[in-house]
């Protein structure tokens, strides 16, 4: 078990925490003197610190700052104890670098559970569990303070959710159509479903997606959004409730609403009569809780009203026999390769004329299925934007991610690739083969069981693709132009 340092100026609290942790099998070091904490933490080689916030002379926040600025204790998980308002103290504690927070009076069993979560992630090579019992923000901070590198996937959600971490920092994030910080923020809002974290090597960092996402900043923003939504809860509409915008001028926004897309949300409702919250979340590429807050604020200000019956929920059509057979083959291939389960992700990339042809296949599939998600994907592709649509069959679910192959899209591709069992790359000129070189290398060197299909119909492109794929065990080459999406999936 772990070695824990307990710090509180109240001897009775120290005894209670000490007894609780020792009963759970931990070794405990205690002190009532905040000035001794940094030295004790380093000398005793502790694994975590339980620290009171309100202490005479030196506050717990000052002690936390000292721990974070000392090289030997900078990465220690720290759980704060405070009798103040939970949401306010949590935000302030996260800003100072705390790992977790428990409000007094506390349940000893809860404290033991939270301390256990902080220390177990440091040693565990793989984590699996449920967000109901291990909330996302706690999990993320445990991985951060353990300086973990690997892949975190949230499962059982309507859309794929994936994070890549390197030494505790978030490098890549993808959640449905969202990427980067907005994707990570949307994940922090999820309270249900399973998660799976698998360790990867620490020696190589992947910075292709740009600036690393600040975990503490992310969690502070998530706490802010939750607090604001709680204040405006009576104005938050139902997911499919019809919304109408009234012509007017936006009043000055609260200073804290700098990152909330109020103007874009208002214009989106004004330009699309009878829209709904779910449709706005589809159109605007930001975390859904930001859109919910923007709509609630507009309703409070009287610039938006709700009226009429709720908009109909999207329906999922039945797959054709040919499509169902293609999905079954993909599911079987995934299980045979060790990536078992009832959900398969496929990434389709194309450029130039090939993108137009892929768009046509998706449009035809949407008409056959009568599925709003596939129709939405087609509209996004017409705007030369990527998207995702899913298809459920008796044997499992297929999620198709379509992305335009450009230099600018490679970061998003890297984030989505790790989710996918198979990749289809459709190109119509030899320069696209060069552009996709990084993707080809990624799949060839992937630790996961993944396969790729490179589809090239032009003779010169086919010749260049054949040269590039020579010796590859993961990629296959085809010159057969598919006439339907199900045939394309069958080729993959």
Protein backbone atom coordinates (compact mmCIF):
# COMPACT_ATOMS: atom_id res chain seq x y z
CA UNK A 1 0.00 0.00 0.00
CA UNK A 2 0.97 3.68 -0.11
CA UNK A 3 2.75 6.01 2.31
CA UNK A 4 0.57 9.08 3.05
CA UNK A 5 1.43 12.38 4.76
CA UNK A 6 -1.52 13.88 6.71
CA UNK A 7 -1.42 17.60 7.57
CA UNK A 8 -4.01 19.35 9.79
CA UNK A 9 -3.74 21.76 12.71
CA UNK A 10 -6.58 19.90 14.50
CA UNK A 11 -5.12 16.81 16.28
CA UNK A 12 -8.55 15.13 16.32
CA UNK A 13 -8.84 15.37 12.54
CA UNK A 14 -5.29 14.04 12.19
CA UNK A 15 -6.17 11.02 14.36
CA UNK A 16 -9.38 10.35 12.39
CA UNK A 17 -7.63 10.48 9.01
CA UNK A 18 -4.67 8.46 10.29
CA UNK A 19 -6.90 5.70 11.70
CA UNK A 20 -8.99 5.54 8.52
CA UNK A 21 -5.97 5.27 6.22
CA UNK A 22 -4.13 2.76 8.41
CA UNK A 23 -7.26 0.58 8.57
CA UNK A 24 -7.19 0.55 4.77
CA UNK A 25 -3.58 -0.69 4.87
CA UNK A 26 -1.67 2.55 4.20
CA UNK A 27 1.36 3.78 6.13
CA UNK A 28 0.75 7.25 7.58
CA UNK A 29 3.06 10.13 8.53
CA UNK A 30 1.40 13.05 10.37
CA UNK A 31 2.10 16.63 11.34
CA UNK A 32 0.14 19.59 12.72
CA UNK A 33 2.83 22.04 11.58
CA UNK A 34 2.40 23.31 7.99
CA UNK A 35 6.00 24.58 7.94
CA UNK A 36 7.25 20.97 8.10
CA UNK A 37 5.28 19.61 5.16
CA UNK A 38 7.72 20.02 2.26
CA UNK A 39 10.67 18.63 4.24
CA UNK A 40 8.62 15.69 5.59
CA UNK A 41 7.18 14.84 2.18
CA UNK A 42 10.67 14.65 0.66
CA UNK A 43 12.40 12.91 3.60
CA UNK A 44 9.65 10.33 4.17
CA UNK A 45 9.29 9.59 0.45
CA UNK A 46 5.49 9.72 0.66
CA UNK A 47 3.17 8.79 -2.20
CA UNK A 48 0.47 11.39 -1.50
CA UNK A 49 -0.50 14.23 0.86
CA UNK A 50 -3.79 14.89 2.64
CA UNK A 51 -3.69 18.64 3.38
CA UNK A 52 -6.03 20.89 5.36
CA UNK A 53 -6.75 24.25 3.73
CA UNK A 54 -7.58 26.38 6.77
CA UNK A 55 -4.58 26.38 9.12
CA UNK A 56 -3.23 29.24 11.25
CA UNK A 57 -0.10 31.02 10.07
CA UNK A 58 0.37 29.24 6.73
CA UNK A 59 -2.69 28.22 4.69
CA UNK A 60 -2.97 24.92 2.89
CA UNK A 61 -2.84 26.78 -0.42
CA UNK A 62 0.55 28.24 0.46
CA UNK A 63 1.79 24.77 1.46
CA UNK A 64 0.45 23.41 -1.83
CA UNK A 65 2.32 26.13 -3.72
CA UNK A 66 5.54 25.18 -1.88
CA UNK A 67 5.04 21.51 -2.75
CA UNK A 68 4.50 22.32 -6.42
CA UNK A 69 7.60 24.52 -6.67
CA UNK A 70 9.91 21.95 -5.04
CA UNK A 71 11.47 19.54 -7.52
CA UNK A 72 11.17 16.52 -5.19
CA UNK A 73 7.49 17.05 -4.39
CA UNK A 74 6.14 18.80 -7.50
CA UNK A 75 4.34 15.69 -8.80
CA UNK A 76 2.90 14.42 -5.51
CA UNK A 77 -0.88 13.86 -5.54
CA UNK A 78 -2.44 16.28 -2.99
CA UNK A 79 -5.96 15.93 -1.59
CA UNK A 80 -7.30 19.12 0.01
CA UNK A 81 -9.58 19.22 3.07
CA UNK A 82 -11.79 22.26 3.56
CA UNK A 83 -15.06 23.21 5.22
CA UNK A 84 -15.77 25.95 2.67
CA UNK A 85 -18.02 25.87 -0.40
CA UNK A 86 -17.11 22.82 -2.48
CA UNK A 87 -17.36 24.32 -5.98
CA UNK A 88 -15.49 27.53 -5.06
CA UNK A 89 -12.75 25.69 -3.22
CA UNK A 90 -12.46 23.07 -5.94
CA UNK A 91 -11.84 25.70 -8.62
CA UNK A 92 -9.33 27.54 -6.42
CA UNK A 93 -7.61 24.28 -5.45
CA UNK A 94 -7.32 23.16 -9.07
CA UNK A 95 -5.81 26.53 -9.93
CA UNK A 96 -3.14 25.91 -7.28
CA UNK A 97 -2.44 22.37 -8.53
CA UNK A 98 -4.47 20.17 -6.18
CA UNK A 99 -5.28 16.60 -7.24
CA UNK A 100 -8.60 16.22 -5.45
CA UNK A 101 -10.86 17.90 -2.89
CA UNK A 102 -12.97 16.68 0.07
CA UNK A 103 -15.23 19.02 2.04
CA UNK A 104 -15.48 18.81 5.83
CA UNK A 105 -17.22 17.16 7.56
CA UNK A 106 -16.20 14.17 5.45
CA UNK A 107 -17.07 10.50 5.33
CA UNK A 108 -13.89 8.54 6.29
CA UNK A 109 -14.75 5.83 3.74
CA UNK A 110 -15.01 8.43 0.97
CA UNK A 111 -11.66 9.95 1.95
CA UNK A 112 -9.99 6.52 1.89
CA UNK A 113 -11.52 5.82 -1.54
CA UNK A 114 -10.30 9.13 -2.97
CA UNK A 115 -6.79 8.70 -1.58
CA UNK A 116 -6.71 5.19 -3.01
CA UNK A 117 -7.65 6.48 -6.45
CA UNK A 118 -4.88 9.06 -6.37
CA UNK A 119 -2.14 6.57 -5.56
CA UNK A 120 -3.34 3.57 -7.56
CA UNK A 121 -3.00 5.33 -10.93
CA UNK A 122 0.68 5.99 -10.29
CA UNK A 123 1.50 2.28 -10.26
CA UNK A 124 -1.21 0.72 -12.41
CA UNK A 125 -0.24 -0.05 -16.00
CA UNK A 126 -3.84 -0.28 -17.17
CA UNK A 127 -7.06 1.21 -15.81
CA UNK A 128 -10.61 0.18 -16.56
CA UNK A 129 -13.76 1.23 -14.79
CA UNK A 130 -16.99 3.22 -14.79
CA UNK A 131 -17.29 6.98 -14.75
CA UNK A 132 -20.08 6.70 -12.19
CA UNK A 133 -17.58 5.49 -9.59
CA UNK A 134 -14.42 7.17 -10.95
CA UNK A 135 -15.39 10.60 -12.38
CA UNK A 136 -13.59 11.81 -15.46
CA UNK A 137 -11.86 14.79 -13.83
CA UNK A 138 -10.53 12.61 -10.99
CA UNK A 139 -9.24 10.04 -13.47
CA UNK A 140 -7.55 12.68 -15.59
CA UNK A 141 -5.80 14.29 -12.63
CA UNK A 142 -4.62 10.91 -11.36
CA UNK A 143 -3.04 10.24 -14.75
CA UNK A 144 -1.51 13.72 -14.76
CA UNK A 145 0.11 13.40 -11.35
CA UNK A 146 1.29 9.89 -12.18
CA UNK A 147 2.94 11.32 -15.33
CA UNK A 148 1.25 8.58 -17.34
CA UNK A 149 1.61 8.09 -21.09
CA UNK A 150 -1.01 6.21 -23.04
CA UNK A 151 -4.49 6.19 -24.56
CA UNK A 152 -7.70 6.95 -22.66
CA UNK A 153 -10.95 5.95 -24.34
CA UNK A 154 -14.47 6.61 -23.04
CA UNK A 155 -16.82 3.84 -24.08
CA UNK A 156 -20.60 3.28 -24.28
CA UNK A 157 -21.12 6.84 -25.57
CA UNK A 158 -23.09 7.79 -28.71
CA UNK A 159 -19.87 9.14 -30.27
CA UNK A 160 -16.25 7.97 -29.95
CA UNK A 161 -14.22 9.76 -27.27
CA UNK A 162 -10.45 9.46 -27.14
CA UNK A 163 -7.47 11.14 -25.44
CA UNK A 164 -3.75 10.61 -25.88
CA UNK A 165 -1.51 11.52 -22.93
CA UNK A 166 2.26 11.90 -22.74
CA UNK A 167 3.88 12.15 -19.30
CA UNK A 168 0.57 13.25 -17.80
CA UNK A 169 -0.19 15.92 -20.42
CA UNK A 170 -3.04 15.71 -22.94
CA UNK A 171 -1.71 15.89 -26.50
CA UNK A 172 -4.63 14.75 -28.65
CA UNK A 173 -8.38 14.72 -28.02
CA UNK A 174 -11.28 13.69 -30.24
CA UNK A 175 -14.96 13.42 -29.30
CA UNK A 176 -17.27 12.86 -32.25
CA UNK A 177 -16.73 15.88 -34.52
CA UNK A 178 -14.90 17.87 -31.83
CA UNK A 179 -11.13 17.94 -31.49
CA UNK A 180 -8.61 19.49 -29.11
CA UNK A 181 -9.71 21.43 -26.04
CA UNK A 182 -13.41 21.47 -26.97
CA UNK A 183 -13.39 17.66 -27.28
CA UNK A 184 -11.68 17.25 -23.90
CA UNK A 185 -14.11 19.71 -22.29
CA UNK A 186 -17.08 17.77 -23.69
CA UNK A 187 -15.65 14.56 -22.18
CA UNK A 188 -15.34 16.23 -18.77
CA UNK A 189 -19.13 16.67 -18.88
CA UNK A 190 -19.75 12.92 -19.23
CA UNK A 191 -20.83 11.18 -16.01
CA UNK A 192 -21.79 7.74 -17.33
CA UNK A 193 -20.13 5.01 -19.33
CA UNK A 194 -16.94 3.00 -19.13
CA UNK A 195 -13.35 4.09 -19.57
CA UNK A 196 -10.21 2.26 -20.57
CA UNK A 197 -6.64 3.54 -20.22
CA UNK A 198 -3.77 1.62 -21.82
CA UNK A 199 -0.17 2.54 -21.18
CA UNK A 200 2.21 3.48 -24.01
CA UNK A 201 5.93 4.13 -23.97
CA UNK A 202 7.15 7.45 -22.58
CA UNK A 203 10.12 7.85 -24.88
CA UNK A 204 8.43 9.52 -27.86
CA UNK A 205 6.12 12.53 -27.69
CA UNK A 206 3.66 13.23 -30.50
CA UNK A 207 3.03 16.93 -30.93
CA UNK A 208 1.31 16.82 -34.31
CA UNK A 209 -1.96 18.13 -32.86
CA UNK A 210 -0.43 21.38 -31.62
CA UNK A 211 -0.36 22.91 -28.14
CA UNK A 212 -0.78 20.60 -25.17
CA UNK A 213 -4.15 20.97 -23.40
CA UNK A 214 -3.88 22.23 -19.81
CA UNK A 215 -5.65 19.72 -17.57
CA UNK A 216 -6.00 22.13 -14.65
CA UNK A 217 -7.34 24.83 -16.97
CA UNK A 218 -9.75 22.34 -18.53
CA UNK A 219 -11.11 21.22 -15.16
CA UNK A 220 -11.46 24.78 -13.90
CA UNK A 221 -13.48 25.68 -16.99
CA UNK A 222 -15.60 22.55 -16.58
CA UNK A 223 -16.35 23.49 -12.95
CA UNK A 224 -17.26 27.03 -14.05
CA UNK A 225 -19.67 25.74 -16.71
CA UNK A 226 -21.33 23.36 -14.24
CA UNK A 227 -21.81 26.18 -11.73
CA UNK A 228 -23.27 28.55 -14.33
CA UNK A 229 -25.58 25.89 -15.76
CA UNK A 230 -26.77 25.14 -12.24
CA UNK A 231 -27.70 28.82 -11.77
CA UNK A 232 -29.63 28.90 -15.06
CA UNK A 233 -31.02 25.37 -14.80
CA UNK A 234 -34.68 26.48 -15.14
CA UNK A 235 -33.85 28.09 -18.50
CA UNK A 236 -32.05 25.07 -20.04
CA UNK A 237 -34.44 23.64 -22.67
CA UNK A 238 -34.99 20.02 -23.55
CA UNK A 239 -32.63 18.54 -26.11
CA UNK A 240 -35.25 18.58 -28.89
CA UNK A 241 -37.36 21.55 -27.71
CA UNK A 242 -38.04 24.00 -30.55
CA UNK A 243 -36.30 27.37 -30.23
CA UNK A 244 -37.22 30.72 -31.79
CA UNK A 245 -35.08 33.88 -31.81
CA UNK A 246 -36.66 37.33 -31.43
CA UNK A 247 -35.01 40.21 -33.32
CA UNK A 248 -33.05 42.43 -30.98
CA UNK A 249 -29.64 43.56 -29.79
CA UNK A 250 -27.46 41.44 -27.54
CA UNK A 251 -26.88 43.12 -24.17
CA UNK A 252 -23.34 43.20 -22.76
CA UNK A 253 -22.17 39.70 -21.84
CA UNK A 254 -20.88 38.83 -18.37
CA UNK A 255 -17.08 39.09 -18.22
CA UNK A 256 -16.85 35.37 -17.42
CA UNK A 257 -18.65 34.49 -20.71
CA UNK A 258 -15.65 35.25 -22.90
CA UNK A 259 -15.44 31.67 -24.23
CA UNK A 260 -19.22 31.15 -24.52
CA UNK A 261 -20.49 31.39 -28.15
CA UNK A 262 -23.55 33.50 -27.31
CA UNK A 263 -23.54 35.56 -30.54
CA UNK A 264 -23.01 32.51 -32.76
CA UNK A 265 -25.77 30.64 -30.93
CA UNK A 266 -28.20 33.55 -31.27
CA UNK A 267 -27.49 33.89 -35.01
CA UNK A 268 -27.82 30.13 -35.43
CA UNK A 269 -31.33 30.24 -33.95
CA UNK A 270 -32.23 33.41 -35.89
CA UNK A 271 -31.07 31.94 -39.22
CA UNK A 272 -32.66 28.51 -38.65
CA UNK A 273 -36.26 28.85 -37.41
CA UNK A 274 -37.55 25.90 -35.38
CA UNK A 275 -34.07 24.75 -34.52
CA UNK A 276 -33.28 22.89 -31.27
CA UNK A 277 -30.47 22.43 -28.79
CA UNK A 278 -29.43 19.14 -30.39
CA UNK A 279 -29.24 20.75 -33.85
CA UNK A 280 -27.18 23.64 -32.50
CA UNK A 281 -24.75 21.17 -30.96
CA UNK A 282 -24.39 19.57 -34.40
CA UNK A 283 -23.67 22.88 -36.14
CA UNK A 284 -21.34 24.61 -33.68
CA UNK A 285 -17.90 23.05 -33.13
CA UNK A 286 -17.73 23.71 -29.39
CA UNK A 287 -18.39 21.68 -26.24
CA UNK A 288 -22.16 21.07 -25.79
CA UNK A 289 -22.26 22.56 -22.27
CA UNK A 290 -21.14 25.91 -23.74
CA UNK A 291 -24.06 25.87 -26.17
CA UNK A 292 -26.46 24.89 -23.38
CA UNK A 293 -25.23 27.83 -21.30
CA UNK A 294 -25.53 30.24 -24.25
CA UNK A 295 -29.12 29.12 -24.98
CA UNK A 296 -30.10 29.33 -21.30
CA UNK A 297 -28.70 32.88 -21.04
CA UNK A 298 -30.51 33.96 -24.22
CA UNK A 299 -33.76 32.53 -22.85
CA UNK A 300 -33.22 34.40 -19.57
CA UNK A 301 -32.65 37.65 -21.52
CA UNK A 302 -35.85 37.16 -23.52
CA UNK A 303 -34.06 37.03 -26.89
CA UNK A 304 -35.03 33.39 -27.44
CA UNK A 305 -38.30 31.61 -26.68
CA UNK A 306 -39.45 27.99 -26.69
CA UNK A 307 -42.71 27.08 -28.37
CA UNK A 308 -44.56 24.18 -29.88
CA UNK A 309 -43.92 20.48 -29.46
CA UNK A 310 -40.44 19.06 -29.18
CA UNK A 311 -38.64 18.46 -32.44
CA UNK A 312 -38.64 14.78 -33.44
CA UNK A 313 -35.68 12.75 -32.29
CA UNK A 314 -33.38 11.40 -35.00
CA UNK A 315 -34.28 7.90 -36.10
CA UNK A 316 -32.02 5.16 -37.29
CA UNK A 317 -33.03 3.21 -40.37
CA UNK A 318 -32.54 -0.48 -41.00
CA UNK A 319 -29.37 -1.41 -42.90
CA UNK A 320 -29.62 -3.19 -46.22
CA UNK A 321 -28.54 -6.83 -46.35
CA UNK A 322 -25.38 -5.84 -48.21
CA UNK A 323 -24.51 -3.17 -45.63
CA UNK A 324 -25.27 -5.52 -42.71
CA UNK A 325 -23.00 -8.16 -44.25
CA UNK A 326 -20.15 -5.63 -44.61
CA UNK A 327 -20.54 -4.62 -40.96
CA UNK A 328 -20.54 -8.26 -39.85
CA UNK A 329 -17.28 -8.87 -41.72
CA UNK A 330 -15.66 -5.84 -40.06
CA UNK A 331 -16.84 -6.95 -36.62
CA UNK A 332 -15.52 -10.44 -37.21
CA UNK A 333 -12.16 -9.14 -38.43
CA UNK A 334 -11.89 -6.97 -35.32
CA UNK A 335 -12.57 -9.91 -33.02
CA UNK A 336 -10.13 -12.18 -34.84
CA UNK A 337 -7.42 -9.53 -34.50
CA UNK A 338 -7.93 -9.30 -30.74
CA UNK A 339 -9.96 -6.09 -30.80
CA UNK A 340 -13.19 -7.76 -29.77
CA UNK A 341 -16.39 -6.04 -28.77
CA UNK A 342 -19.61 -4.85 -30.32
CA UNK A 343 -18.40 -1.58 -31.83
CA UNK A 344 -16.03 -0.99 -34.74
CA UNK A 345 -14.64 2.35 -35.96
CA UNK A 346 -13.57 2.87 -39.58
CA UNK A 347 -11.74 5.95 -40.87
CA UNK A 348 -12.35 7.00 -44.51
CA UNK A 349 -10.08 9.64 -46.02
CA UNK A 350 -10.20 11.07 -49.52
CA UNK A 351 -9.13 14.12 -51.53
CA UNK A 352 -9.95 15.80 -54.81
CA UNK A 353 -12.37 13.94 -57.07
CA UNK A 354 -12.23 10.92 -54.75
CA UNK A 355 -13.81 13.04 -51.97
CA UNK A 356 -16.72 13.92 -54.28
CA UNK A 357 -17.24 10.26 -55.12
CA UNK A 358 -17.10 9.27 -51.44
CA UNK A 359 -19.62 12.02 -50.70
CA UNK A 360 -21.97 10.50 -53.30
CA UNK A 361 -21.67 7.06 -51.69
CA UNK A 362 -22.51 8.51 -48.27
CA UNK A 363 -25.51 10.39 -49.72
CA UNK A 364 -26.86 7.18 -51.28
CA UNK A 365 -26.36 5.30 -48.01
CA UNK A 366 -28.23 8.04 -46.13
CA UNK A 367 -31.19 7.75 -48.53
CA UNK A 368 -31.26 3.96 -48.15
CA UNK A 369 -31.08 4.09 -44.36
CA UNK A 370 -33.38 7.08 -43.85
CA UNK A 371 -31.03 8.06 -41.02
CA UNK A 372 -30.62 11.71 -39.98
CA UNK A 373 -27.02 11.12 -38.88
CA UNK A 374 -25.98 9.97 -42.36
CA UNK A 375 -27.81 12.87 -44.00
CA UNK A 376 -25.96 15.24 -41.67
CA UNK A 377 -22.64 13.61 -42.60
CA UNK A 378 -23.44 14.15 -46.27
CA UNK A 379 -24.16 17.86 -45.67
CA UNK A 380 -20.88 18.25 -43.82
CA UNK A 381 -19.01 16.57 -46.65
CA UNK A 382 -20.61 18.95 -49.15
CA UNK A 383 -19.03 21.75 -47.12
CA UNK A 384 -15.71 19.85 -47.30
CA UNK A 385 -15.86 19.10 -43.59
CA UNK A 386 -15.41 15.76 -41.88
CA UNK A 387 -17.94 14.01 -39.70
CA UNK A 388 -19.15 10.76 -38.15
CA UNK A 389 -22.20 8.54 -38.59
CA UNK A 390 -23.05 5.22 -36.97
CA UNK A 391 -24.99 2.16 -38.01
CA UNK A 392 -26.43 -0.45 -35.63
CA UNK A 393 -26.91 -4.07 -36.67
CA UNK A 394 -27.89 -7.17 -34.67
CA UNK A 395 -24.19 -8.09 -34.45
CA UNK A 396 -22.86 -4.73 -33.30
CA UNK A 397 -22.32 -1.11 -34.24
CA UNK A 398 -20.20 0.49 -36.94
CA UNK A 399 -19.02 4.11 -36.70
CA UNK A 400 -17.72 5.65 -39.93
CA UNK A 401 -15.47 8.72 -39.68
CA UNK A 402 -15.05 10.61 -42.97
CA UNK A 403 -12.27 13.19 -43.25
CA UNK A 404 -10.90 15.26 -46.11
CA UNK A 405 -7.21 14.50 -46.65
CA UNK A 406 -5.29 17.80 -46.41
CA UNK A 407 -2.16 18.94 -44.64
CA UNK A 408 -4.32 20.83 -42.12
CA UNK A 409 -6.42 17.74 -41.29
CA UNK A 410 -3.51 15.49 -40.34
CA UNK A 411 -3.70 16.44 -36.64
CA UNK A 412 -7.34 15.42 -36.44
CA UNK A 413 -6.56 12.26 -38.38
CA UNK A 414 -3.92 11.29 -35.82
CA UNK A 415 -6.46 11.65 -33.01
CA UNK A 416 -9.13 9.57 -34.78
CA UNK A 417 -6.77 6.89 -36.11
CA UNK A 418 -6.17 5.29 -32.71
CA UNK A 419 -9.90 4.53 -32.37
CA UNK A 420 -10.17 2.72 -35.67
CA UNK A 421 -9.88 -0.93 -36.59
CA UNK A 422 -9.54 -0.15 -40.30
CA UNK A 423 -8.65 2.79 -42.55
CA UNK A 424 -9.73 3.42 -46.13
CA UNK A 425 -7.60 5.93 -48.07
CA UNK A 426 -9.03 6.98 -51.46
CA UNK A 427 -6.72 9.13 -53.60
CA UNK A 428 -6.87 10.37 -57.18
CA UNK A 429 -3.36 11.74 -57.77
CA UNK A 430 0.15 10.66 -56.83
CA UNK A 431 0.81 13.75 -54.67
CA UNK A 432 -1.85 12.54 -52.24
CA UNK A 433 0.19 9.38 -51.64
CA UNK A 434 3.04 11.60 -50.45
CA UNK A 435 0.63 13.63 -48.30
CA UNK A 436 -0.63 10.45 -46.66
CA UNK A 437 2.87 9.14 -45.94
CA UNK A 438 2.67 9.99 -42.23
CA UNK A 439 -0.66 8.19 -41.92
CA UNK A 440 0.73 5.13 -43.70
CA UNK A 441 3.73 5.04 -41.35
CA UNK A 442 1.53 5.47 -38.27
CA UNK A 443 -0.61 2.48 -39.12
CA UNK A 444 2.41 0.36 -40.05
CA UNK A 445 4.03 1.04 -36.65
CA UNK A 446 0.84 0.95 -34.57
CA UNK A 447 0.81 -1.33 -31.53
CA UNK A 448 -2.87 -2.01 -32.18
CA UNK A 449 -4.25 -4.51 -34.67
CA UNK A 450 -5.21 -2.19 -37.52
CA UNK A 451 -5.41 -2.57 -41.28
CA UNK A 452 -5.54 -0.16 -44.19
CA UNK A 453 -6.84 -0.07 -47.75
CA UNK A 454 -5.35 2.37 -50.26
CA UNK A 455 -7.73 2.85 -53.18
CA UNK A 456 -6.23 4.36 -56.35
CA UNK A 457 -7.88 4.08 -59.77
CA UNK A 458 -5.60 6.32 -61.90
CA UNK A 459 -2.64 4.44 -63.41
CA UNK A 460 0.13 6.82 -62.25
CA UNK A 461 -1.36 7.05 -58.74
CA UNK A 462 -1.68 3.27 -58.58
CA UNK A 463 1.96 2.87 -59.60
CA UNK A 464 3.16 5.36 -56.95
CA UNK A 465 0.98 3.71 -54.29
CA UNK A 466 2.36 0.28 -55.18
CA UNK A 467 5.92 1.58 -54.71
CA UNK A 468 5.07 3.20 -51.39
CA UNK A 469 3.32 0.15 -49.93
CA UNK A 470 5.96 -2.37 -51.00
CA UNK A 471 6.82 -4.48 -47.95
CA UNK A 472 3.92 -3.20 -45.82
CA UNK A 473 2.02 -5.90 -43.90
CA UNK A 474 -0.83 -3.63 -42.79
CA UNK A 475 -1.88 -2.00 -46.07
CA UNK A 476 -3.61 -3.47 -49.13
CA UNK A 477 -3.94 -1.79 -52.52
CA UNK A 478 -7.00 -1.77 -54.78
CA UNK A 479 -7.83 -0.17 -58.13
CA UNK A 480 -11.52 -1.13 -57.95
CA UNK A 481 -13.79 1.94 -57.65
CA UNK A 482 -16.67 1.00 -55.31
CA UNK A 483 -20.23 1.68 -56.45
CA UNK A 484 -21.74 1.83 -52.94
CA UNK A 485 -20.61 2.49 -49.39
CA UNK A 486 -21.28 -1.14 -48.47
CA UNK A 487 -18.95 -2.27 -51.29
CA UNK A 488 -16.27 0.13 -50.06
CA UNK A 489 -16.60 -1.28 -46.54
CA UNK A 490 -16.40 -4.80 -47.96
CA UNK A 491 -13.13 -3.91 -49.69
CA UNK A 492 -11.72 -2.62 -46.40
